[in-house]
Amino acid sequence: MALTGPSKTARGAAGYRAAHQTVDGATVFRDPFARLILEPDALAEADQRARDPASRGMRLFMAARSRFAEDCLAAAVAEGLRQVVVLGAGLDTFGLRNPYREVGLRVFEVDQPSTQDWKRARLSAARLREPVELVWVPVDFERDDFSKRLQDSGFLPDRPAFYIWLGVTPYLQRETVFALLRQVARAPQSSIVFDYSEPIDNYPAERRQAMAAMADRVALAGEPWITLLDPYEIHAALTAMGYATIEDLGPGDIAARYYGPEHAQNRGGTGPHLVHARIRAV
């Protein structure tokens, strides 16, 4: 039986990370498994897309969001954290690379069962070993209680945890997004890194038409944007949930931090955001 595999957006993100390793020399984010996780046809398609100069911005953002998440995770591990949950993991390879396995960091990958089955088959085909500290947790975010599924898989809810949630929020119902953030907020000393996209009306007039066209394209591909968040809205919601520290990087902030010194004066801007939110200790 053929496996349906990851979504188009998950494949696309993996393709950008794979192309970044060669086209950009992995200047933002180094991932030795990025090109191994994709099947040959998908890798060739990603490399072909990378020949278009217009793809550079999205490719660098995909690399930067993984880098940001893992930079924040590194700080948490240094503080003693020993469990990380990758929500909607797609073709993310952190569970394979885990540089903290020697100190006991467990990685819980949470995703759709069909995606995980496809990914594990791909790992086998690429002769990549499944690390013993990598735990697969099949979940449908719109229907399942992911916290119960986590606990059934050995996750310790009374211990701090770090959550990575990238490339998912636009494709979920608004209440599902906020319900998950509230769930993370119930655990003291835990934190989450996620990304979100702003409403089209937030963009300058000269960019709205292009963003509307992009929204139409992803909708026609079967993966419409459902939840777009205003920065003021998400900050107010996170604060009300009990998140004590909220770092939000807009497009200019991301470029200034990761893309090179020529972007040092850039700040803010409308577009995709990266957030690191931490729960206050009790």
Protein backbone atom coordinates (compact mmCIF):
# COMPACT_ATOMS: atom_id res chain seq x y z
CA MET A 1 0.00 0.00 0.00
CA ALA A 2 1.38 3.40 -0.98
CA LEU A 3 1.90 5.87 1.86
CA THR A 4 0.35 9.30 1.39
CA GLY A 5 3.33 10.98 2.99
CA PRO A 6 3.92 14.53 4.19
CA SER A 7 1.95 17.56 3.05
CA LYS A 8 3.08 19.68 0.13
CA THR A 9 4.17 22.41 2.53
CA ALA A 10 6.25 19.94 4.58
CA ARG A 11 7.94 18.69 1.43
CA GLY A 12 8.51 22.24 0.27
CA ALA A 13 10.08 23.29 3.56
CA ALA A 14 12.36 20.25 3.48
CA GLY A 15 13.33 21.14 -0.07
CA TYR A 16 14.30 24.66 0.91
CA ARG A 17 16.43 23.36 3.81
CA ALA A 18 18.08 20.85 1.47
CA ALA A 19 18.88 23.45 -1.19
CA HIS A 20 20.23 25.82 1.47
CA GLN A 21 22.97 23.31 2.25
CA THR A 22 24.45 23.65 -1.24
CA VAL A 23 23.20 26.87 -2.87
CA ASP A 24 23.87 29.01 0.22
CA GLY A 25 26.64 26.88 1.69
CA ALA A 26 24.53 26.29 4.83
CA THR A 27 25.46 29.79 5.98
CA VAL A 28 22.39 30.12 8.21
CA PHE A 29 21.60 26.53 9.20
CA ARG A 30 23.72 23.41 8.80
CA ASP A 31 21.84 20.11 8.51
CA PRO A 32 23.79 17.06 7.25
CA PHE A 33 20.57 15.05 6.90
CA ALA A 34 18.57 17.66 4.96
CA ARG A 35 19.50 16.23 1.57
CA LEU A 36 19.29 12.61 2.67
CA ILE A 37 15.72 12.74 4.01
CA LEU A 38 14.24 13.65 0.59
CA GLU A 39 13.74 11.14 -2.20
CA PRO A 40 15.84 11.83 -5.35
CA ASP A 41 12.99 13.33 -7.41
CA ALA A 42 12.03 15.77 -4.64
CA LEU A 43 15.65 16.74 -4.13
CA ALA A 44 16.10 17.42 -7.83
CA GLU A 45 12.95 19.55 -7.83
CA ALA A 46 14.22 21.53 -4.83
CA ASP A 47 17.56 22.17 -6.52
CA GLN A 48 15.79 23.25 -9.70
CA ARG A 49 13.61 25.70 -7.76
CA ALA A 50 16.70 27.12 -6.06
CA ARG A 51 18.00 28.30 -9.44
CA ASP A 52 15.32 30.98 -9.39
CA PRO A 53 16.77 34.04 -7.56
CA ALA A 54 13.26 34.84 -6.31
CA SER A 55 13.33 31.71 -4.13
CA ARG A 56 16.21 32.98 -1.98
CA GLY A 57 14.08 34.88 0.53
CA MET A 58 11.87 31.93 1.38
CA ARG A 59 14.85 29.56 1.46
CA LEU A 60 16.71 31.73 3.95
CA PHE A 61 13.61 32.10 6.11
CA MET A 62 13.15 28.32 6.27
CA ALA A 63 16.77 27.96 7.34
CA ALA A 64 16.50 30.80 9.85
CA ARG A 65 13.41 29.47 11.59
CA SER A 66 15.11 26.11 12.20
CA ARG A 67 18.24 27.91 13.39
CA PHE A 68 16.23 30.13 15.75
CA ALA A 69 14.40 27.15 17.26
CA GLU A 70 17.59 25.20 17.83
CA ASP A 71 19.47 28.22 19.22
CA CYS A 72 16.69 28.66 21.80
CA LEU A 73 16.70 24.92 22.53
CA ALA A 74 20.45 24.94 23.13
CA ALA A 75 20.01 27.57 25.84
CA ALA A 76 17.25 25.51 27.46
CA VAL A 77 19.36 22.35 27.45
CA ALA A 78 22.18 24.28 29.11
CA GLU A 79 19.70 25.13 31.87
CA GLY A 80 18.92 21.43 32.41
CA LEU A 81 16.02 20.72 30.07
CA ARG A 82 15.86 17.09 28.93
CA GLN A 83 12.78 16.69 26.73
CA VAL A 84 11.83 18.41 23.49
CA VAL A 85 8.59 18.03 21.55
CA VAL A 86 8.60 18.71 17.80
CA LEU A 87 4.98 19.43 16.85
CA GLY A 88 4.00 18.84 13.24
CA ALA A 89 7.54 17.63 12.65
CA GLY A 90 7.16 16.88 8.96
CA LEU A 91 10.61 16.12 7.53
CA ASP A 92 12.50 17.91 10.29
CA THR A 93 15.74 16.06 11.11
CA PHE A 94 16.56 17.27 14.63
CA GLY A 95 15.63 13.87 16.05
CA LEU A 96 18.34 12.33 13.88
CA ARG A 97 20.96 14.99 14.62
CA ASN A 98 20.26 15.49 18.35
CA PRO A 99 23.60 16.85 19.63
CA TYR A 100 22.43 16.45 23.23
CA ARG A 101 21.80 12.72 23.33
CA GLU A 102 24.79 12.22 25.62
CA VAL A 103 23.12 14.35 28.31
CA GLY A 104 19.83 12.49 27.91
CA LEU A 105 17.68 14.78 25.75
CA ARG A 106 14.63 12.85 24.51
CA VAL A 107 12.94 13.96 21.30
CA PHE A 108 9.19 13.44 20.84
CA GLU A 109 8.09 13.87 17.23
CA VAL A 110 4.37 14.62 16.98
CA ASP A 111 2.66 14.43 13.59
CA GLN A 112 0.00 12.79 11.47
CA PRO A 113 0.33 8.97 11.41
CA SER A 114 0.57 8.86 7.61
CA THR A 115 3.39 11.40 7.61
CA GLN A 116 5.32 9.46 10.25
CA ASP A 117 4.86 6.16 8.42
CA TRP A 118 6.18 7.73 5.21
CA LYS A 119 9.09 9.35 7.02
CA ARG A 120 10.14 6.14 8.74
CA ALA A 121 10.00 4.31 5.43
CA ARG A 122 12.15 7.04 3.92
CA LEU A 123 14.68 6.73 6.76
CA SER A 124 14.91 3.01 6.09
CA ALA A 125 15.37 3.57 2.35
CA ALA A 126 18.12 6.11 3.03
CA ARG A 127 19.73 3.72 5.54
CA LEU A 128 19.39 6.26 8.34
CA ARG A 129 19.20 4.82 11.85
CA GLU A 130 16.30 5.71 14.15
CA PRO A 131 17.93 6.89 17.40
CA VAL A 132 16.68 5.22 20.56
CA GLU A 133 15.97 8.62 22.17
CA LEU A 134 13.59 9.56 19.31
CA VAL A 135 9.95 8.81 20.15
CA TRP A 136 7.22 8.84 17.49
CA VAL A 137 3.86 10.23 18.65
CA PRO A 138 1.08 9.99 16.03
CA VAL A 139 -1.53 12.76 16.50
CA ASP A 140 -4.26 14.52 14.52
CA PHE A 141 -4.10 18.05 15.97
CA GLU A 142 -7.71 18.85 15.08
CA ARG A 143 -9.13 15.71 16.75
CA ASP A 144 -6.74 14.16 19.27
CA ASP A 145 -5.66 15.18 22.75
CA PHE A 146 -1.99 15.55 21.98
CA SER A 147 -1.00 15.89 25.66
CA LYS A 148 -2.49 12.47 26.45
CA ARG A 149 -0.77 10.95 23.43
CA LEU A 150 2.51 12.44 24.65
CA GLN A 151 2.13 11.02 28.14
CA ASP A 152 1.23 7.60 26.74
CA SER A 153 4.56 7.77 24.86
CA GLY A 154 6.66 8.39 27.97
CA PHE A 155 6.62 12.19 28.12
CA LEU A 156 6.90 13.52 31.68
CA PRO A 157 4.33 16.32 32.16
CA ASP A 158 5.77 17.39 35.51
CA ARG A 159 9.18 18.14 33.97
CA PRO A 160 10.10 21.19 31.88
CA ALA A 161 9.77 20.73 28.15
CA PHE A 162 10.71 22.66 25.04
CA TYR A 163 8.25 22.70 22.12
CA ILE A 164 9.14 23.38 18.49
CA TRP A 165 6.13 24.19 16.30
CA LEU A 166 7.13 25.42 12.85
CA GLY A 167 5.13 25.80 9.66
CA VAL A 168 1.84 24.69 11.21
CA THR A 169 -0.24 27.53 12.68
CA PRO A 170 -1.57 28.99 9.38
CA TYR A 171 -3.13 25.64 8.48
CA LEU A 172 -5.06 25.03 11.72
CA GLN A 173 -8.29 26.47 13.10
CA ARG A 174 -7.74 29.49 15.36
CA GLU A 175 -9.11 27.72 18.43
CA THR A 176 -6.81 24.75 17.81
CA VAL A 177 -3.80 27.09 17.74
CA PHE A 178 -4.74 28.80 20.99
CA ALA A 179 -5.75 25.54 22.67
CA LEU A 180 -2.31 24.10 22.03
CA LEU A 181 -0.58 27.22 23.34
CA ARG A 182 -2.73 27.04 26.48
CA GLN A 183 -1.81 23.38 26.89
CA VAL A 184 1.91 24.19 26.80
CA ALA A 185 1.31 27.02 29.28
CA ARG A 186 0.05 24.58 31.92
CA ALA A 187 3.53 23.15 32.42
CA PRO A 188 5.81 25.33 34.59
CA GLN A 189 9.21 26.30 33.16
CA SER A 190 8.34 25.06 29.68
CA SER A 191 8.74 27.09 26.50
CA ILE A 192 7.76 27.04 22.84
CA VAL A 193 9.14 28.32 19.57
CA PHE A 194 6.60 28.79 16.79
CA ASP A 195 6.05 30.86 13.69
CA TYR A 196 2.98 32.71 12.49
CA SER A 197 1.91 34.80 9.53
CA GLU A 198 0.19 38.17 9.61
CA PRO A 199 -3.19 38.97 8.00
CA ILE A 200 -2.98 40.22 4.43
CA ASP A 201 -4.51 43.55 5.48
CA ASN A 202 -1.42 44.17 7.64
CA TYR A 203 0.82 44.36 4.57
CA PRO A 204 1.62 47.63 2.82
CA ALA A 205 -0.75 48.29 -0.06
CA GLU A 206 1.94 47.57 -2.66
CA ARG A 207 2.44 44.02 -1.28
CA ARG A 208 -1.14 42.96 -0.65
CA GLN A 209 -1.87 41.81 -4.18
CA ALA A 210 1.16 39.51 -4.20
CA MET A 211 0.22 38.06 -0.80
CA ALA A 212 -3.39 37.51 -1.90
CA ALA A 213 -2.12 35.69 -4.99
CA MET A 214 0.07 33.48 -2.80
CA ALA A 215 -2.93 32.72 -0.58
CA ASP A 216 -4.90 31.69 -3.65
CA ARG A 217 -2.10 29.39 -4.82
CA VAL A 218 -1.82 27.51 -1.53
CA ALA A 219 -5.61 27.22 -1.34
CA LEU A 220 -5.73 25.72 -4.83
CA ALA A 221 -3.01 23.29 -3.75
CA GLY A 222 -5.34 22.07 -1.01
CA GLU A 223 -3.59 23.69 1.96
CA PRO A 224 -5.32 27.05 2.52
CA TRP A 225 -4.23 29.57 5.12
CA ILE A 226 -6.83 29.38 7.89
CA THR A 227 -5.32 31.29 10.80
CA LEU A 228 -3.35 34.51 10.32
CA LEU A 229 -2.40 36.40 13.48
CA ASP A 230 -1.80 40.04 14.27
CA PRO A 231 1.28 40.62 16.50
CA TYR A 232 -0.75 42.57 19.06
CA GLU A 233 -3.34 39.79 19.20
CA ILE A 234 -0.84 36.98 19.73
CA HIS A 235 1.15 38.93 22.33
CA ALA A 236 -1.99 39.71 24.35
CA ALA A 237 -3.11 36.08 24.16
CA LEU A 238 0.27 34.70 25.22
CA THR A 239 0.50 37.10 28.14
CA ALA A 240 -2.99 36.15 29.31
CA MET A 241 -2.02 32.48 29.16
CA GLY A 242 0.88 33.05 31.54
CA TYR A 243 3.86 33.33 29.21
CA ALA A 244 6.31 35.55 31.08
CA THR A 245 8.93 36.12 28.38
CA ILE A 246 7.96 36.63 24.74
CA GLU A 247 10.54 37.24 22.02
CA ASP A 248 8.99 38.01 18.63
CA LEU A 249 11.18 38.45 15.55
CA GLY A 250 9.62 40.07 12.50
CA PRO A 251 11.06 39.65 8.99
CA GLY A 252 13.59 42.47 9.43
CA ASP A 253 14.69 41.18 12.83
CA ILE A 254 15.24 37.70 11.38
CA ALA A 255 17.28 39.10 8.50
CA ALA A 256 19.38 41.27 10.82
CA ARG A 257 20.16 38.32 13.09
CA TYR A 258 20.84 35.60 10.55
CA TYR A 259 21.37 36.84 7.00
CA GLY A 260 24.50 38.95 7.33
CA PRO A 261 25.82 42.37 8.38
CA GLU A 262 24.19 44.13 5.43
CA HIS A 263 20.83 43.58 7.17
CA ALA A 264 21.95 44.97 10.54
CA GLN A 265 19.74 48.07 10.27
CA ASN A 266 16.58 46.12 9.46
CA ARG A 267 13.97 45.70 12.18
CA GLY A 268 10.32 44.69 12.37
CA GLY A 269 8.40 44.56 9.09
CA THR A 270 5.25 42.77 7.98
CA GLY A 271 5.45 39.09 7.14
CA PRO A 272 6.26 35.81 8.89
CA HIS A 273 7.28 35.99 12.55
CA LEU A 274 9.29 33.74 14.86
CA VAL A 275 8.32 33.59 18.54
CA HIS A 276 10.04 32.16 21.60
CA ALA A 277 7.65 32.20 24.57
CA ARG A 278 8.56 30.97 28.06
CA ILE A 279 6.31 30.10 30.97
CA ARG A 280 7.07 31.72 34.31
CA ALA A 281 8.38 29.34 36.98
CA VAL A 282 6.13 28.52 39.94
